[in-house]
Protein backbone atom coordinates (compact mmCIF):
# COMPACT_ATOMS: atom_id res chain seq x y z
CA MET A 1 18.22 -19.67 18.13
CA LYS A 2 17.62 -16.53 20.16
CA SER A 3 14.30 -14.72 20.37
CA ALA A 4 12.53 -12.14 22.53
CA GLN A 5 9.44 -13.73 24.05
CA ILE A 6 6.76 -13.20 26.67
CA GLU A 7 4.91 -15.84 28.68
CA ARG A 8 2.31 -13.42 30.06
CA TYR A 9 1.11 -9.86 29.53
CA GLY A 10 2.83 -7.08 31.44
CA GLY A 11 5.57 -4.44 31.47
CA SER A 12 9.25 -4.57 30.61
CA ASP A 13 9.87 -7.32 33.16
CA VAL A 14 7.93 -9.93 31.15
CA VAL A 15 10.23 -9.77 28.10
CA GLN A 16 12.67 -12.69 28.15
CA ILE A 17 15.52 -13.60 25.82
CA ASN A 18 15.15 -17.29 25.02
CA LYS A 19 18.50 -18.54 23.74
CA SER A 20 17.15 -21.99 22.91
CA THR A 21 13.99 -21.16 21.01
CA PRO A 22 13.20 -23.97 18.55
CA ALA A 23 13.97 -22.72 15.05
CA PRO A 24 10.90 -22.55 12.77
CA ASN A 25 10.27 -25.62 10.64
CA ASP A 26 10.60 -25.63 6.88
CA PRO A 27 8.12 -23.15 5.40
CA SER A 28 4.71 -24.52 4.51
CA VAL A 29 2.65 -23.53 1.49
CA GLY A 30 2.78 -19.79 0.84
CA LYS A 31 5.43 -19.04 3.46
CA VAL A 32 9.15 -18.22 3.55
CA LEU A 33 11.88 -18.76 6.12
CA VAL A 34 13.99 -15.64 6.67
CA ASN A 35 17.28 -14.94 8.40
CA ILE A 36 16.41 -11.74 10.24
CA ARG A 37 19.05 -9.01 10.00
CA ALA A 38 17.05 -6.31 11.81
CA ALA A 39 13.58 -5.88 13.28
CA GLY A 40 11.57 -2.67 13.57
CA VAL A 41 10.00 -1.68 16.88
CA ASN A 42 6.49 -0.20 16.71
CA PRO A 43 4.02 1.10 19.30
CA ALA A 44 1.94 -2.01 18.56
CA ASP A 45 4.76 -4.17 19.94
CA TRP A 46 4.62 -2.77 23.48
CA LYS A 47 0.84 -2.62 23.31
CA PHE A 48 0.68 -6.34 22.52
CA ARG A 49 3.15 -6.98 25.36
CA ASP A 50 0.99 -4.96 27.75
CA GLY A 51 -2.16 -6.82 26.71
CA PHE A 52 -3.98 -3.94 25.01
CA PHE A 53 -5.33 -6.25 22.31
CA GLN A 54 -5.83 -9.47 24.29
CA GLN A 55 -9.62 -9.48 23.85
CA MET A 56 -9.46 -8.88 20.09
CA MET A 57 -6.22 -10.69 19.18
CA PRO A 58 -5.08 -12.95 22.07
CA LEU A 59 -1.52 -14.28 21.98
CA GLN A 60 -0.58 -17.93 22.50
CA PHE A 61 2.20 -18.15 25.10
CA PRO A 62 5.13 -18.31 24.92
CA SER A 63 4.84 -15.66 22.21
CA THR A 64 7.72 -14.28 20.14
CA LEU A 65 7.24 -10.54 19.75
CA GLY A 66 7.79 -8.38 16.69
CA TRP A 67 6.10 -7.45 13.42
CA ASP A 68 8.48 -5.63 11.07
CA PHE A 69 11.77 -7.04 9.78
CA SER A 70 14.39 -6.96 7.07
CA GLY A 71 16.44 -10.01 6.19
CA VAL A 72 17.51 -12.66 3.70
CA ILE A 73 15.36 -15.58 2.55
CA GLU A 74 16.70 -18.96 3.64
CA LYS A 75 13.98 -21.19 2.16
CA VAL A 76 10.68 -20.81 0.31
CA GLY A 77 7.59 -22.98 0.67
CA GLU A 78 5.41 -24.46 -2.03
CA ASP A 79 3.49 -22.05 -4.27
CA VAL A 80 6.02 -19.27 -3.61
CA SER A 81 7.32 -18.36 -7.05
CA ASP A 82 8.20 -14.66 -6.67
CA PHE A 83 11.02 -15.16 -4.15
CA LYS A 84 14.04 -17.40 -3.89
CA GLN A 85 16.83 -18.25 -1.46
CA GLY A 86 19.17 -15.29 -0.99
CA ASP A 87 16.63 -12.57 -1.79
CA GLU A 88 16.77 -9.53 0.49
CA VAL A 89 13.24 -8.77 1.70
CA ASN A 90 11.36 -6.75 4.27
CA GLY A 91 7.85 -7.00 5.63
CA GLN A 92 5.97 -8.46 8.56
CA ALA A 93 6.32 -11.75 10.45
CA ALA A 94 3.96 -11.28 13.40
CA GLU A 95 2.50 -14.40 14.97
CA ILE A 96 -1.05 -13.11 14.58
CA THR A 97 -0.53 -12.73 10.81
CA GLY A 98 0.71 -16.30 10.39
CA GLY A 99 4.40 -15.64 11.01
CA SER A 100 6.56 -16.73 13.92
CA GLY A 101 7.59 -13.32 15.33
CA ALA A 102 10.20 -10.87 14.03
CA PHE A 103 12.18 -10.44 17.28
CA ALA A 104 14.23 -13.53 16.50
CA GLU A 105 17.26 -14.63 14.54
CA ILE A 106 15.09 -16.66 12.14
CA ALA A 107 11.39 -16.21 11.34
CA LEU A 108 8.60 -17.56 9.20
CA ALA A 109 6.55 -15.05 7.23
CA ASN A 110 3.70 -15.22 4.76
CA ALA A 111 4.92 -14.50 1.24
CA ASP A 112 1.98 -12.09 0.88
CA ASN A 113 3.39 -9.97 3.75
CA ILE A 114 6.86 -9.36 2.29
CA ALA A 115 8.48 -7.64 -0.70
CA ASN A 116 11.94 -7.05 -2.08
CA LYS A 117 13.87 -4.73 0.24
CA PRO A 118 14.44 -1.19 -1.03
CA LYS A 119 17.91 -1.21 -2.54
CA ALA A 120 18.73 2.24 -1.18
CA LEU A 121 18.21 1.22 2.45
CA SER A 122 20.31 -0.75 4.91
CA HIS A 123 18.66 -3.68 6.69
CA GLU A 124 18.22 -1.49 9.79
CA GLU A 125 16.46 1.22 7.77
CA ALA A 126 14.39 -1.29 5.80
CA ALA A 127 13.27 -2.99 9.03
CA GLY A 128 11.81 0.32 10.16
CA LEU A 129 9.78 0.84 6.99
CA PRO A 130 6.96 -1.75 6.58
CA THR A 131 4.33 -0.53 9.05
CA VAL A 132 5.08 3.19 8.84
CA GLY A 133 5.59 3.24 5.09
CA VAL A 134 2.43 1.32 4.29
CA SER A 135 0.43 3.33 6.86
CA ALA A 136 1.40 6.60 5.19
CA TRP A 137 0.85 5.21 1.68
CA GLN A 138 -2.54 3.72 2.53
CA ALA A 139 -3.73 6.97 4.12
CA LEU A 140 -2.36 9.61 1.74
CA VAL A 141 -2.46 7.83 -1.62
CA GLU A 142 -5.31 5.34 -1.34
CA THR A 143 -7.74 6.88 1.17
CA ILE A 144 -7.21 10.64 0.94
CA GLY A 145 -6.06 10.69 -2.68
CA LEU A 146 -3.79 13.64 -1.91
CA THR A 147 -2.94 15.69 -4.99
CA ASN A 148 -0.74 18.57 -6.08
CA GLY A 149 -1.64 21.87 -4.43
CA GLN A 150 -3.78 20.47 -1.63
CA LYS A 151 -3.12 21.29 2.04
CA ILE A 152 -2.62 18.57 4.65
CA LEU A 153 -1.94 18.68 8.38
CA ILE A 154 0.04 15.72 9.72
CA HIS A 155 -0.11 15.26 13.49
CA GLY A 156 2.96 13.71 15.09
CA GLY A 157 5.26 14.60 12.22
CA ALA A 158 8.49 13.54 13.92
CA GLY A 159 7.36 9.99 14.68
CA GLY A 160 7.83 6.90 12.55
CA ILE A 161 4.66 7.29 10.50
CA GLY A 162 4.70 11.08 10.49
CA SER A 163 8.25 11.39 9.17
CA ILE A 164 7.40 9.18 6.19
CA ALA A 165 4.03 10.87 5.67
CA ILE A 166 5.64 14.33 5.41
CA GLN A 167 8.01 13.12 2.70
CA LEU A 168 5.22 11.35 0.83
CA ALA A 169 2.91 14.38 1.00
CA LYS A 170 5.64 16.63 -0.40
CA HIS A 171 6.30 14.08 -3.16
CA LEU A 172 2.59 14.30 -4.04
CA GLY A 173 2.88 18.11 -4.30
CA ALA A 174 0.93 19.05 -1.18
CA TYR A 175 1.45 21.95 1.22
CA VAL A 176 2.32 20.26 4.52
CA ALA A 177 1.76 21.51 8.05
CA THR A 178 2.73 19.37 11.03
CA THR A 179 2.58 19.38 14.84
CA VAL A 180 5.71 18.46 16.82
CA ARG A 181 7.65 19.34 19.97
CA ALA A 182 10.02 22.30 19.82
CA ASN A 183 13.15 20.14 19.65
CA ASP A 184 11.79 18.30 16.58
CA MET A 185 11.04 21.42 14.52
CA GLN A 186 14.34 21.45 12.62
CA TYR A 187 14.05 17.73 11.91
CA VAL A 188 10.64 17.99 10.23
CA LYS A 189 11.73 21.13 8.38
CA GLU A 190 14.51 19.06 6.82
CA LEU A 191 11.92 16.43 5.85
CA GLY A 192 10.08 19.13 3.88
CA ALA A 193 7.33 20.44 6.17
CA ASP A 194 6.12 23.89 5.06
CA GLU A 195 4.50 24.99 8.32
CA ILE A 196 5.52 23.67 11.73
CA ILE A 197 3.45 24.02 14.90
CA ASP A 198 4.97 23.55 18.36
CA TYR A 199 2.01 21.83 20.00
CA GLN A 200 3.33 22.60 23.49
CA THR A 201 3.14 26.39 23.02
CA GLN A 202 0.83 26.93 20.03
CA ASN A 203 -2.76 25.99 19.22
CA PHE A 204 -2.80 24.50 15.75
CA ASP A 205 -6.58 24.97 15.46
CA ASP A 206 -6.18 28.74 15.93
CA LEU A 207 -3.44 28.99 13.29
CA LEU A 208 -4.57 26.65 10.51
CA HIS A 209 -7.79 26.82 8.48
CA ASP A 210 -9.39 25.39 5.34
CA TYR A 211 -7.21 22.31 5.03
CA ASP A 212 -8.15 19.57 2.58
CA ALA A 213 -7.03 16.72 4.84
CA ILE A 214 -5.62 15.76 8.22
CA TYR A 215 -3.62 12.64 9.01
CA ASP A 216 -3.86 12.01 12.75
CA ASN A 217 -1.23 9.97 14.60
CA VAL A 218 -1.95 11.47 18.04
CA GLY A 219 -5.64 11.02 18.85
CA GLY A 220 -7.52 12.26 21.90
CA GLU A 221 -8.12 16.00 22.22
CA THR A 222 -5.89 16.65 19.20
CA TYR A 223 -8.24 14.58 17.04
CA ALA A 224 -11.36 16.41 18.27
CA ARG A 225 -9.81 19.86 17.70
CA SER A 226 -8.77 18.86 14.18
CA PHE A 227 -12.30 19.14 12.82
CA LYS A 228 -12.05 22.94 13.09
CA VAL A 229 -9.09 22.95 10.68
CA VAL A 230 -10.60 20.96 7.80
CA LYS A 231 -12.74 22.69 5.21
CA LYS A 232 -16.22 21.38 4.42
CA GLY A 233 -16.01 18.25 2.32
CA GLY A 234 -12.48 17.55 3.62
CA ILE A 235 -11.28 14.38 5.29
CA ILE A 236 -9.60 13.27 8.53
CA VAL A 237 -7.85 9.88 8.66
CA SER A 238 -6.88 8.75 12.16
CA MET A 239 -4.64 5.88 13.19
CA LEU A 240 -6.13 5.97 16.69
CA GLU A 241 -9.69 7.30 16.80
CA GLN A 242 -12.99 5.94 15.53
CA PRO A 243 -15.04 8.50 13.55
CA ASN A 244 -16.93 11.03 15.67
CA GLN A 245 -20.34 11.25 14.01
CA GLN A 246 -21.35 14.40 15.88
CA LEU A 247 -18.24 16.31 14.80
CA MET A 248 -18.52 14.99 11.24
CA GLU A 249 -22.03 16.39 10.94
CA GLN A 250 -21.18 19.65 12.73
CA PHE A 251 -18.25 20.50 10.44
CA GLY A 252 -19.28 18.69 7.25
CA VAL A 253 -16.13 16.57 7.28
CA ARG A 254 -15.51 12.90 6.46
CA ALA A 255 -13.62 10.98 9.14
CA LEU A 256 -12.15 7.49 8.92
CA PHE A 257 -10.22 5.16 11.21
CA GLN A 258 -7.36 3.38 9.46
CA LEU A 259 -6.39 -0.20 10.15
CA THR A 260 -3.13 -0.55 8.26
CA GLN A 261 -2.91 -3.67 6.11
CA VAL A 262 0.62 -4.55 5.05
CA ASN A 263 0.74 -6.64 1.89
CA ARG A 264 3.16 -7.29 -0.95
CA GLU A 265 1.51 -4.85 -3.36
CA ARG A 266 1.74 -1.91 -0.95
CA LEU A 267 5.23 -2.84 0.27
CA THR A 268 6.43 -3.00 -3.34
CA LYS A 269 4.97 0.42 -4.18
CA VAL A 270 6.55 1.94 -1.07
CA ALA A 271 9.93 0.35 -1.88
CA GLN A 272 9.84 1.70 -5.45
CA TRP A 273 8.97 5.18 -4.20
CA VAL A 274 11.79 5.05 -1.63
CA ASP A 275 14.37 3.94 -4.19
CA GLN A 276 13.26 6.41 -6.88
CA ASN A 277 13.15 9.44 -4.59
CA ASN A 278 15.97 8.80 -2.09
CA ILE A 279 13.53 8.77 0.83
CA ARG A 280 14.92 8.87 4.35
CA VAL A 281 14.07 6.36 7.07
CA ASN A 282 15.51 7.89 10.21
CA VAL A 283 16.67 5.27 12.72
CA GLU A 284 17.04 7.17 15.97
CA LYS A 285 18.30 4.29 18.08
CA THR A 286 19.44 0.72 17.51
CA PHE A 287 19.33 -1.95 20.22
CA LEU A 288 20.62 -5.51 20.18
CA LEU A 289 18.10 -8.35 20.19
CA GLU A 290 19.13 -9.05 23.80
CA GLU A 291 17.93 -5.53 24.66
CA ALA A 292 14.42 -6.00 23.27
CA GLY A 293 12.83 -5.12 26.62
CA LYS A 294 14.73 -1.82 26.75
CA ALA A 295 13.83 -1.09 23.12
CA LEU A 296 10.13 -1.49 23.84
CA GLU A 297 10.35 0.87 26.82
CA TYR A 298 12.27 3.41 24.73
CA GLN A 299 9.60 3.25 22.01
CA LYS A 300 6.88 3.69 24.63
CA ASP A 301 8.41 6.54 26.66
CA ALA A 302 10.89 8.49 24.53
CA HIS A 303 8.74 9.64 21.58
CA PRO A 304 11.55 8.67 19.18
CA ARG A 305 12.35 10.75 16.12
CA GLY A 306 11.66 8.25 13.37
CA LYS A 307 12.31 4.60 14.19
CA VAL A 308 13.75 2.26 16.80
CA VAL A 309 15.18 -1.04 15.56
CA LEU A 310 16.72 -4.24 16.87
CA ALA A 311 19.91 -5.51 15.21
CA MET A 312 20.45 -9.26 15.23
């Protein structure tokens, strides 16, 4: 079978298409074998390729890349009773979570890391959902507990996580502000954003005040300036920054770093919400598996509107 692999850390030149990758063996206890129809490309994918996480989560080479996927179950292992051959599922199949890598024609995945694919979505759309959908759900529903009438600022609203988070926040009844580039303003308006800040020409911390929550997908200076926007007793959840104790005490704000944990329960809740509310997963660009190296560079450099996916 074909897969996109690396044999060392590095840039786009280290990604190789192995046309004779040994197909995964029959699934062991608690695992499933999936025919991959599409794989989602996330910032974590190029960061793993570049070696950002090699001290914390080292890869074993050769390593098949890829976390998110959508596909059809080929076989189920022992103790897997909730899925059967032919089921359409999406989820994660990363090597470091016990899978065999999603950038491949066939992959092993833990049954705990998959769920039934949203019926309303194509395989390409569903492949783009697991990480971003669960990230938004975990932050807004579970951590922040966002409720009707509250105000939330979502940084990076046009990106994969941000575009889902805007829709989820509106579904929860919140007033939503977001920061984007000028050419993404119409896009996030269509997603439901109430107030849109062009971060290249406007200072969000001068314009917004007394917000209940901030969901940060940008980090750096943007994260530090966000404390001025949240009212006392409010909360900032960041996908990138560890809590700044000094700023927390200065502004009387809770701050948390989120490590997204994709599991069946969260995937199922996200899928039900998507199907019930006709939620959009915007796939900006689709590459073939053979173009995995180009897809990673596009994800890294282009600031895509929504998601980038690989079609098998």
